[in-house]
């Protein structure tokens, strides 16, 4: 079990350090295919199923507080190690997200401090409203369940 964990950690280190943005997921896919030529199809199917389960479960739980969206991308990253089309999709998405983040960071730096404060308060209010909404929805859903008295 410990060797599997070490192998996974080393694989993700290579993913981050050796590959350029826009090629990372495809390079990881090719490394996994080279290293796993003798792996069984069942093992690969289980790996994809695990990634899909993590991604879908994370999307279902995304409205709740926690790492919902982040873990969905982790699930897709797991799938990308076995499915080239998903690896290509994530490579394109990474490049677009990096570009959007660079532009957003530039706008943020050029903004006045009052605009930054207003934006931070707006985002905070949105988060609080989302948490309250999710709590209220689940409270209503739980109160509708029949609970035995004894």
C-alpha atoms as a PDB file:
ATOM      1  CA  UNK A   1       0.000   0.000   0.000  1.00  0.00           C
ATOM      2  CA  UNK A   2       2.813   2.388   0.894  1.00  0.00           C
ATOM      3  CA  UNK A   3       4.621   1.689  -2.387  1.00  0.00           C
ATOM      4  CA  UNK A   4       1.428   2.506  -4.314  1.00  0.00           C
ATOM      5  CA  UNK A   5       1.195   5.817  -2.483  1.00  0.00           C
ATOM      6  CA  UNK A   6       4.843   6.608  -3.207  1.00  0.00           C
ATOM      7  CA  UNK A   7       4.352   5.719  -6.875  1.00  0.00           C
ATOM      8  CA  UNK A   8       1.330   8.013  -7.092  1.00  0.00           C
ATOM      9  CA  UNK A   9       3.170  10.869  -5.422  1.00  0.00           C
ATOM     10  CA  UNK A  10       6.132  10.485  -7.789  1.00  0.00           C
ATOM     11  CA  UNK A  11       3.805  10.362 -10.783  1.00  0.00           C
ATOM     12  CA  UNK A  12       2.135  13.635  -9.775  1.00  0.00           C
ATOM     13  CA  UNK A  13       5.542  15.267  -9.165  1.00  0.00           C
ATOM     14  CA  UNK A  14       6.517  14.380 -12.716  1.00  0.00           C
ATOM     15  CA  UNK A  15       3.170  15.702 -13.880  1.00  0.00           C
ATOM     16  CA  UNK A  16       3.838  19.115 -12.362  1.00  0.00           C
ATOM     17  CA  UNK A  17       7.566  19.496 -13.028  1.00  0.00           C
ATOM     18  CA  UNK A  18       8.412  17.750 -16.289  1.00  0.00           C
ATOM     19  CA  UNK A  19       5.533  18.754 -18.529  1.00  0.00           C
ATOM     20  CA  UNK A  20       4.583  22.152 -19.862  1.00  0.00           C
ATOM     21  CA  UNK A  21       1.055  23.539 -19.476  1.00  0.00           C
ATOM     22  CA  UNK A  22      -1.058  22.333 -22.370  1.00  0.00           C
ATOM     23  CA  UNK A  23       0.804  19.006 -22.518  1.00  0.00           C
ATOM     24  CA  UNK A  24       0.698  17.778 -18.915  1.00  0.00           C
ATOM     25  CA  UNK A  25      -2.312  15.499 -19.060  1.00  0.00           C
ATOM     26  CA  UNK A  26      -1.323  13.971 -22.415  1.00  0.00           C
ATOM     27  CA  UNK A  27       2.227  13.381 -21.184  1.00  0.00           C
ATOM     28  CA  UNK A  28       0.865  11.747 -18.034  1.00  0.00           C
ATOM     29  CA  UNK A  29      -1.439   9.597 -20.173  1.00  0.00           C
ATOM     30  CA  UNK A  30       1.507   8.424 -22.301  1.00  0.00           C
ATOM     31  CA  UNK A  31       3.691   7.746 -19.235  1.00  0.00           C
ATOM     32  CA  UNK A  32       0.908   5.678 -17.660  1.00  0.00           C
ATOM     33  CA  UNK A  33       0.369   3.722 -20.877  1.00  0.00           C
ATOM     34  CA  UNK A  34       4.106   3.006 -21.187  1.00  0.00           C
ATOM     35  CA  UNK A  35       4.450   1.978 -17.549  1.00  0.00           C
ATOM     36  CA  UNK A  36       1.271  -0.077 -17.496  1.00  0.00           C
ATOM     37  CA  UNK A  37       1.576  -2.190 -20.622  1.00  0.00           C
ATOM     38  CA  UNK A  38       1.224  -5.342 -18.572  1.00  0.00           C
ATOM     39  CA  UNK A  39      -1.641  -4.045 -16.405  1.00  0.00           C
ATOM     40  CA  UNK A  40      -4.939  -5.829 -16.766  1.00  0.00           C
ATOM     41  CA  UNK A  41      -7.944  -4.268 -18.448  1.00  0.00           C
ATOM     42  CA  UNK A  42      -9.924  -4.766 -15.252  1.00  0.00           C
ATOM     43  CA  UNK A  43      -7.450  -2.626 -13.333  1.00  0.00           C
ATOM     44  CA  UNK A  44      -7.724   0.156 -15.911  1.00  0.00           C
ATOM     45  CA  UNK A  45     -11.525  -0.031 -15.867  1.00  0.00           C
ATOM     46  CA  UNK A  46     -11.486   0.199 -12.068  1.00  0.00           C
ATOM     47  CA  UNK A  47      -9.169   3.210 -12.258  1.00  0.00           C
ATOM     48  CA  UNK A  48     -11.535   4.984 -14.692  1.00  0.00           C
ATOM     49  CA  UNK A  49     -14.562   4.039 -12.583  1.00  0.00           C
ATOM     50  CA  UNK A  50     -12.880   5.473  -9.479  1.00  0.00           C
ATOM     51  CA  UNK A  51     -12.112   8.739 -11.276  1.00  0.00           C
ATOM     52  CA  UNK A  52     -15.646   9.026 -12.649  1.00  0.00           C
ATOM     53  CA  UNK A  53     -17.131   8.270  -9.218  1.00  0.00           C
ATOM     54  CA  UNK A  54     -14.972  10.966  -7.599  1.00  0.00           C
ATOM     55  CA  UNK A  55     -15.849  13.507 -10.306  1.00  0.00           C
ATOM     56  CA  UNK A  56     -19.599  12.845 -10.229  1.00  0.00           C
ATOM     57  CA  UNK A  57     -19.741  12.614  -6.442  1.00  0.00           C
ATOM     58  CA  UNK A  58     -17.889  15.906  -6.161  1.00  0.00           C
ATOM     59  CA  UNK A  59     -20.240  17.612  -8.602  1.00  0.00           C
ATOM     60  CA  UNK A  60     -23.258  16.346  -6.675  1.00  0.00           C
ATOM     61  CA  UNK A  61     -21.796  17.652  -3.424  1.00  0.00           C
ATOM     62  CA  UNK A  62     -20.459  20.906  -4.930  1.00  0.00           C
ATOM     63  CA  UNK A  63     -23.163  23.136  -3.359  1.00  0.00           C
ATOM     64  CA  UNK A  64     -22.082  22.019   0.109  1.00  0.00           C
ATOM     65  CA  UNK A  65     -19.123  23.584   1.898  1.00  0.00           C
ATOM     66  CA  UNK A  66     -15.935  21.760   1.105  1.00  0.00           C
ATOM     67  CA  UNK A  67     -13.684  20.976  -1.818  1.00  0.00           C
ATOM     68  CA  UNK A  68     -16.461  19.898  -4.244  1.00  0.00           C
ATOM     69  CA  UNK A  69     -15.185  21.487  -7.452  1.00  0.00           C
ATOM     70  CA  UNK A  70     -11.542  20.808  -6.717  1.00  0.00           C
ATOM     71  CA  UNK A  71     -12.058  17.111  -6.159  1.00  0.00           C
ATOM     72  CA  UNK A  72     -14.101  16.849  -9.349  1.00  0.00           C
ATOM     73  CA  UNK A  73     -11.022  18.009 -11.264  1.00  0.00           C
ATOM     74  CA  UNK A  74      -8.943  15.437  -9.376  1.00  0.00           C
ATOM     75  CA  UNK A  75     -11.407  12.767 -10.500  1.00  0.00           C
ATOM     76  CA  UNK A  76     -11.123  13.935 -14.095  1.00  0.00           C
ATOM     77  CA  UNK A  77      -7.338  13.903 -13.745  1.00  0.00           C
ATOM     78  CA  UNK A  78      -7.508  10.270 -12.680  1.00  0.00           C
ATOM     79  CA  UNK A  79      -9.642   9.442 -15.711  1.00  0.00           C
ATOM     80  CA  UNK A  80      -7.245  11.380 -17.976  1.00  0.00           C
ATOM     81  CA  UNK A  81      -4.499   8.932 -17.044  1.00  0.00           C
ATOM     82  CA  UNK A  82      -6.416   6.217 -18.894  1.00  0.00           C
ATOM     83  CA  UNK A  83      -8.490   8.076 -21.531  1.00  0.00           C
ATOM     84  CA  UNK A  84      -6.643  10.182 -24.105  1.00  0.00           C
ATOM     85  CA  UNK A  85      -9.708  12.256 -25.064  1.00  0.00           C
ATOM     86  CA  UNK A  86     -10.151  13.386 -21.462  1.00  0.00           C
ATOM     87  CA  UNK A  87      -6.426  14.180 -21.251  1.00  0.00           C
ATOM     88  CA  UNK A  88      -6.692  16.395 -24.354  1.00  0.00           C
ATOM     89  CA  UNK A  89      -9.777  18.122 -22.962  1.00  0.00           C
ATOM     90  CA  UNK A  90      -8.033  18.866 -19.658  1.00  0.00           C
ATOM     91  CA  UNK A  91      -4.936  20.166 -21.465  1.00  0.00           C
ATOM     92  CA  UNK A  92      -7.076  22.635 -23.427  1.00  0.00           C
ATOM     93  CA  UNK A  93      -8.971  23.614 -20.277  1.00  0.00           C
ATOM     94  CA  UNK A  94      -5.721  24.180 -18.362  1.00  0.00           C
ATOM     95  CA  UNK A  95      -4.412  26.583 -21.004  1.00  0.00           C
ATOM     96  CA  UNK A  96      -7.691  28.525 -21.084  1.00  0.00           C
ATOM     97  CA  UNK A  97      -7.924  28.684 -17.288  1.00  0.00           C
ATOM     98  CA  UNK A  98      -4.337  29.875 -16.982  1.00  0.00           C
ATOM     99  CA  UNK A  99      -5.027  32.622 -19.525  1.00  0.00           C
ATOM    100  CA  UNK A 100      -8.216  33.684 -17.717  1.00  0.00           C
ATOM    101  CA  UNK A 101      -6.394  33.678 -14.383  1.00  0.00           C
ATOM    102  CA  UNK A 102      -3.579  35.805 -15.806  1.00  0.00           C
ATOM    103  CA  UNK A 103      -6.074  38.364 -17.163  1.00  0.00           C
ATOM    104  CA  UNK A 104      -8.055  38.377 -13.908  1.00  0.00           C
ATOM    105  CA  UNK A 105      -4.913  38.875 -11.868  1.00  0.00           C
ATOM    106  CA  UNK A 106      -3.953  41.819 -14.079  1.00  0.00           C
ATOM    107  CA  UNK A 107      -7.353  43.461 -13.629  1.00  0.00           C
ATOM    108  CA  UNK A 108      -7.194  42.836  -9.871  1.00  0.00           C
ATOM    109  CA  UNK A 109      -3.788  44.502  -9.586  1.00  0.00           C
ATOM    110  CA  UNK A 110      -4.913  47.557 -11.556  1.00  0.00           C
ATOM    111  CA  UNK A 111      -8.151  47.959  -9.546  1.00  0.00           C
ATOM    112  CA  UNK A 112      -8.589  50.505  -6.802  1.00  0.00           C
ATOM    113  CA  UNK A 113      -8.695  49.192  -3.247  1.00  0.00           C
ATOM    114  CA  UNK A 114     -12.367  50.202  -2.904  1.00  0.00           C
ATOM    115  CA  UNK A 115     -13.257  48.022  -5.904  1.00  0.00           C
ATOM    116  CA  UNK A 116     -11.260  45.119  -4.447  1.00  0.00           C
ATOM    117  CA  UNK A 117     -13.069  45.472  -1.126  1.00  0.00           C
ATOM    118  CA  UNK A 118     -16.473  45.600  -2.811  1.00  0.00           C
ATOM    119  CA  UNK A 119     -15.657  42.539  -4.894  1.00  0.00           C
ATOM    120  CA  UNK A 120     -14.409  40.594  -1.850  1.00  0.00           C
ATOM    121  CA  UNK A 121     -17.584  41.467   0.082  1.00  0.00           C
ATOM    122  CA  UNK A 122     -19.757  40.428  -2.850  1.00  0.00           C
ATOM    123  CA  UNK A 123     -18.008  37.077  -3.146  1.00  0.00           C
ATOM    124  CA  UNK A 124     -18.251  36.545   0.616  1.00  0.00           C
ATOM    125  CA  UNK A 125     -21.961  37.312   0.553  1.00  0.00           C
ATOM    126  CA  UNK A 126     -22.401  34.830  -2.306  1.00  0.00           C
ATOM    127  CA  UNK A 127     -20.602  32.115  -0.357  1.00  0.00           C
ATOM    128  CA  UNK A 128     -22.667  32.753   2.766  1.00  0.00           C
ATOM    129  CA  UNK A 129     -25.886  32.724   0.723  1.00  0.00           C
ATOM    130  CA  UNK A 130     -24.877  29.450  -0.957  1.00  0.00           C
ATOM    131  CA  UNK A 131     -24.088  27.785   2.356  1.00  0.00           C
ATOM    132  CA  UNK A 132     -27.378  28.998   3.849  1.00  0.00           C
ATOM    133  CA  UNK A 133     -29.274  27.837   0.767  1.00  0.00           C
ATOM    134  CA  UNK A 134     -27.684  24.388   0.856  1.00  0.00           C
ATOM    135  CA  UNK A 135     -28.378  24.119   4.589  1.00  0.00           C
ATOM    136  CA  UNK A 136     -31.991  25.154   4.083  1.00  0.00           C
ATOM    137  CA  UNK A 137     -32.520  22.714   1.194  1.00  0.00           C
ATOM    138  CA  UNK A 138     -31.086  19.809   3.161  1.00  0.00           C
ATOM    139  CA  UNK A 139     -32.991  20.815   6.295  1.00  0.00           C
ATOM    140  CA  UNK A 140     -36.250  20.803   4.322  1.00  0.00           C
ATOM    141  CA  UNK A 141     -35.315  17.496   2.684  1.00  0.00           C
ATOM    142  CA  UNK A 142     -34.467  15.900   6.035  1.00  0.00           C
ATOM    143  CA  UNK A 143     -37.622  17.195   7.696  1.00  0.00           C
ATOM    144  CA  UNK A 144     -39.701  15.540   4.967  1.00  0.00           C
ATOM    145  CA  UNK A 145     -38.286  12.100   5.813  1.00  0.00           C
ATOM    146  CA  UNK A 146     -40.513   9.950   8.026  1.00  0.00           C
ATOM    147  CA  UNK A 147     -38.731   9.456  11.326  1.00  0.00           C
ATOM    148  CA  UNK A 148     -39.967   6.664  13.606  1.00  0.00           C
ATOM    149  CA  UNK A 149     -40.727   7.784  17.148  1.00  0.00           C
ATOM    150  CA  UNK A 150     -39.622   4.578  18.839  1.00  0.00           C
END
